[in-house]
C-alpha cells in the first residue's frame, strides 16, 4: 500500500486505524507468506558428538 499526499489534519478514528493496520499487515504477509525460521545453538563436548548429531539432523 502506498501513501501519497499530505497528511490529514483530522486524526483518524481508532476503528479506522485498526482496519488500515490490518490491511497493511495482510498485504505484507502476501509478500512473505512464510515466517522466518528461528536460529538455535547446539553445544557439544566432543567432535564425535557433533558429527553424530549432524548426521542425524542432516536434511534429506
N, C-alpha and C. Protein backbone atom coordinates (compact mmCIF):
# COMPACT_ATOMS: atom_id res chain seq x y z
N UNK A 1 0.85 -1.16 0.00
CA UNK A 1 0.00 0.00 0.00
C UNK A 1 0.90 1.23 0.00
N UNK A 2 0.62 2.16 -0.86
CA UNK A 2 1.43 3.35 -0.97
C UNK A 2 0.62 4.56 -0.53
N UNK A 3 1.18 5.34 0.37
CA UNK A 3 0.52 6.55 0.83
C UNK A 3 1.11 7.74 0.08
N UNK A 4 0.27 8.50 -0.52
CA UNK A 4 0.71 9.69 -1.23
C UNK A 4 -0.08 10.88 -0.76
N UNK A 5 0.52 12.04 -0.85
CA UNK A 5 -0.19 13.26 -0.49
C UNK A 5 0.08 13.71 0.92
N UNK A 6 -0.53 14.82 1.28
CA UNK A 6 -0.33 15.39 2.61
C UNK A 6 -1.13 14.62 3.64
N UNK A 7 -0.63 14.66 4.87
CA UNK A 7 -1.36 14.01 5.95
C UNK A 7 -2.60 14.82 6.29
N UNK A 8 -3.61 14.12 6.75
CA UNK A 8 -4.85 14.76 7.13
C UNK A 8 -4.67 15.49 8.47
N UNK A 9 -5.27 16.65 8.58
CA UNK A 9 -5.21 17.40 9.83
C UNK A 9 -6.12 16.74 10.86
N UNK A 10 -7.20 16.12 10.40
CA UNK A 10 -8.16 15.46 11.28
C UNK A 10 -7.60 14.09 11.66
N UNK A 11 -7.51 13.78 12.95
CA UNK A 11 -6.98 12.46 13.33
C UNK A 11 -7.93 11.34 12.90
N UNK A 12 -7.35 10.20 12.61
CA UNK A 12 -8.13 9.03 12.18
C UNK A 12 -8.76 8.38 13.41
N UNK A 13 -10.03 8.02 13.34
CA UNK A 13 -10.65 7.33 14.48
C UNK A 13 -9.97 5.97 14.72
N UNK A 14 -9.94 5.51 15.95
CA UNK A 14 -9.25 4.25 16.25
C UNK A 14 -9.75 3.06 15.43
N UNK A 15 -11.06 2.98 15.18
CA UNK A 15 -11.60 1.85 14.41
C UNK A 15 -11.02 1.83 13.00
N UNK A 16 -10.93 3.02 12.38
CA UNK A 16 -10.38 3.10 11.03
C UNK A 16 -8.88 2.80 11.04
N UNK A 17 -8.19 3.26 12.07
CA UNK A 17 -6.75 3.00 12.18
C UNK A 17 -6.49 1.50 12.28
N UNK A 18 -7.34 0.78 13.02
CA UNK A 18 -7.18 -0.68 13.15
C UNK A 18 -7.41 -1.35 11.80
N UNK A 19 -8.44 -0.93 11.07
CA UNK A 19 -8.70 -1.51 9.74
C UNK A 19 -7.53 -1.26 8.80
N UNK A 20 -6.99 -0.06 8.82
CA UNK A 20 -5.84 0.27 7.96
C UNK A 20 -4.64 -0.60 8.32
N UNK A 21 -4.39 -0.75 9.62
CA UNK A 21 -3.27 -1.57 10.06
C UNK A 21 -3.45 -3.03 9.65
N UNK A 22 -4.67 -3.57 9.80
CA UNK A 22 -4.93 -4.96 9.41
C UNK A 22 -4.72 -5.15 7.92
N UNK A 23 -5.13 -4.18 7.12
CA UNK A 23 -4.94 -4.28 5.67
C UNK A 23 -3.45 -4.26 5.33
N UNK A 24 -2.69 -3.41 6.00
CA UNK A 24 -1.25 -3.35 5.73
C UNK A 24 -0.57 -4.64 6.14
N UNK A 25 -0.97 -5.23 7.26
CA UNK A 25 -0.38 -6.48 7.71
C UNK A 25 -0.70 -7.61 6.74
N UNK A 26 -1.95 -7.67 6.26
CA UNK A 26 -2.31 -8.74 5.32
C UNK A 26 -1.56 -8.59 4.00
N UNK A 27 -1.35 -7.37 3.54
CA UNK A 27 -0.59 -7.16 2.32
C UNK A 27 0.88 -7.53 2.51
N UNK A 28 1.42 -7.26 3.69
CA UNK A 28 2.81 -7.63 3.97
C UNK A 28 2.96 -9.15 4.00
N UNK A 29 1.95 -9.86 4.52
CA UNK A 29 2.02 -11.32 4.56
C UNK A 29 1.91 -11.93 3.18
N UNK A 30 1.27 -11.25 2.24
CA UNK A 30 1.21 -11.76 0.86
C UNK A 30 2.60 -11.78 0.25
N UNK A 31 3.42 -10.78 0.59
CA UNK A 31 4.78 -10.73 0.07
C UNK A 31 5.66 -11.79 0.70
N UNK A 32 5.49 -12.05 1.98
CA UNK A 32 6.29 -13.04 2.70
C UNK A 32 5.35 -13.95 3.49
N UNK A 33 4.72 -14.95 2.82
CA UNK A 33 3.72 -15.77 3.49
C UNK A 33 4.29 -16.70 4.56
N UNK A 34 5.56 -17.06 4.49
CA UNK A 34 6.13 -17.96 5.49
C UNK A 34 6.94 -17.17 6.49
N UNK A 35 6.88 -17.60 7.73
CA UNK A 35 7.66 -16.93 8.75
C UNK A 35 9.09 -17.41 8.69
N UNK A 36 9.98 -16.54 9.11
CA UNK A 36 11.39 -16.87 9.11
C UNK A 36 11.69 -17.89 10.20
N UNK A 37 12.53 -18.86 9.88
CA UNK A 37 12.88 -19.86 10.87
C UNK A 37 13.78 -19.24 11.92
N UNK A 38 13.57 -19.63 13.15
CA UNK A 38 14.41 -19.14 14.23
C UNK A 38 15.71 -19.92 14.28
N UNK A 39 16.77 -19.24 14.59
CA UNK A 39 18.06 -19.90 14.74
C UNK A 39 18.15 -20.58 16.10
N UNK A 40 19.13 -21.46 16.25
CA UNK A 40 19.32 -22.13 17.52
C UNK A 40 20.80 -22.47 17.68
N UNK A 41 21.18 -22.74 18.90
CA UNK A 41 22.58 -23.06 19.22
C UNK A 41 22.61 -24.43 19.85
N UNK A 42 23.52 -25.27 19.37
CA UNK A 42 23.72 -26.60 19.94
C UNK A 42 25.19 -26.69 20.31
N UNK A 43 25.46 -27.07 21.56
CA UNK A 43 26.84 -27.18 22.03
C UNK A 43 27.21 -28.64 22.23
N UNK A 44 28.45 -28.98 21.92
CA UNK A 44 28.94 -30.34 22.04
C UNK A 44 30.25 -30.34 22.80
N UNK A 45 30.49 -31.41 23.55
CA UNK A 45 31.75 -31.53 24.29
C UNK A 45 32.85 -32.12 23.42
N UNK A 46 32.45 -32.94 22.44
CA UNK A 46 33.46 -33.57 21.57
C UNK A 46 33.03 -33.46 20.12
N UNK A 47 34.01 -33.65 19.23
CA UNK A 47 33.71 -33.64 17.80
C UNK A 47 32.86 -34.84 17.42
N UNK A 48 33.02 -35.95 18.13
CA UNK A 48 32.22 -37.14 17.83
C UNK A 48 30.73 -36.88 18.09
N UNK A 49 30.42 -36.18 19.20
CA UNK A 49 29.03 -35.82 19.47
C UNK A 49 28.49 -34.92 18.36
N UNK A 50 29.31 -33.98 17.93
CA UNK A 50 28.90 -33.07 16.87
C UNK A 50 28.61 -33.84 15.58
N UNK A 51 29.50 -34.74 15.21
CA UNK A 51 29.33 -35.49 13.98
C UNK A 51 28.10 -36.40 14.03
N UNK A 52 27.85 -37.03 15.18
CA UNK A 52 26.68 -37.91 15.27
C UNK A 52 25.39 -37.09 15.23
N UNK A 53 25.38 -35.92 15.88
CA UNK A 53 24.19 -35.05 15.82
C UNK A 53 23.97 -34.55 14.40
N UNK A 54 25.06 -34.13 13.75
CA UNK A 54 24.95 -33.60 12.40
C UNK A 54 24.43 -34.67 11.42
N UNK A 55 24.91 -35.92 11.59
CA UNK A 55 24.45 -37.00 10.72
C UNK A 55 22.97 -37.28 10.95
N UNK A 56 22.51 -37.16 12.18
CA UNK A 56 21.10 -37.45 12.49
C UNK A 56 20.17 -36.32 12.00
N UNK A 57 20.66 -35.10 11.91
CA UNK A 57 19.82 -33.96 11.57
C UNK A 57 20.11 -33.39 10.19
N UNK A 58 20.80 -34.13 9.39
CA UNK A 58 21.11 -33.68 8.03
C UNK A 58 19.83 -33.64 7.20
N UNK A 59 19.63 -32.58 6.41
CA UNK A 59 18.42 -32.52 5.57
C UNK A 59 18.39 -33.67 4.58
N UNK A 60 17.22 -34.22 4.40
CA UNK A 60 17.10 -35.41 3.50
C UNK A 60 16.63 -34.98 2.14
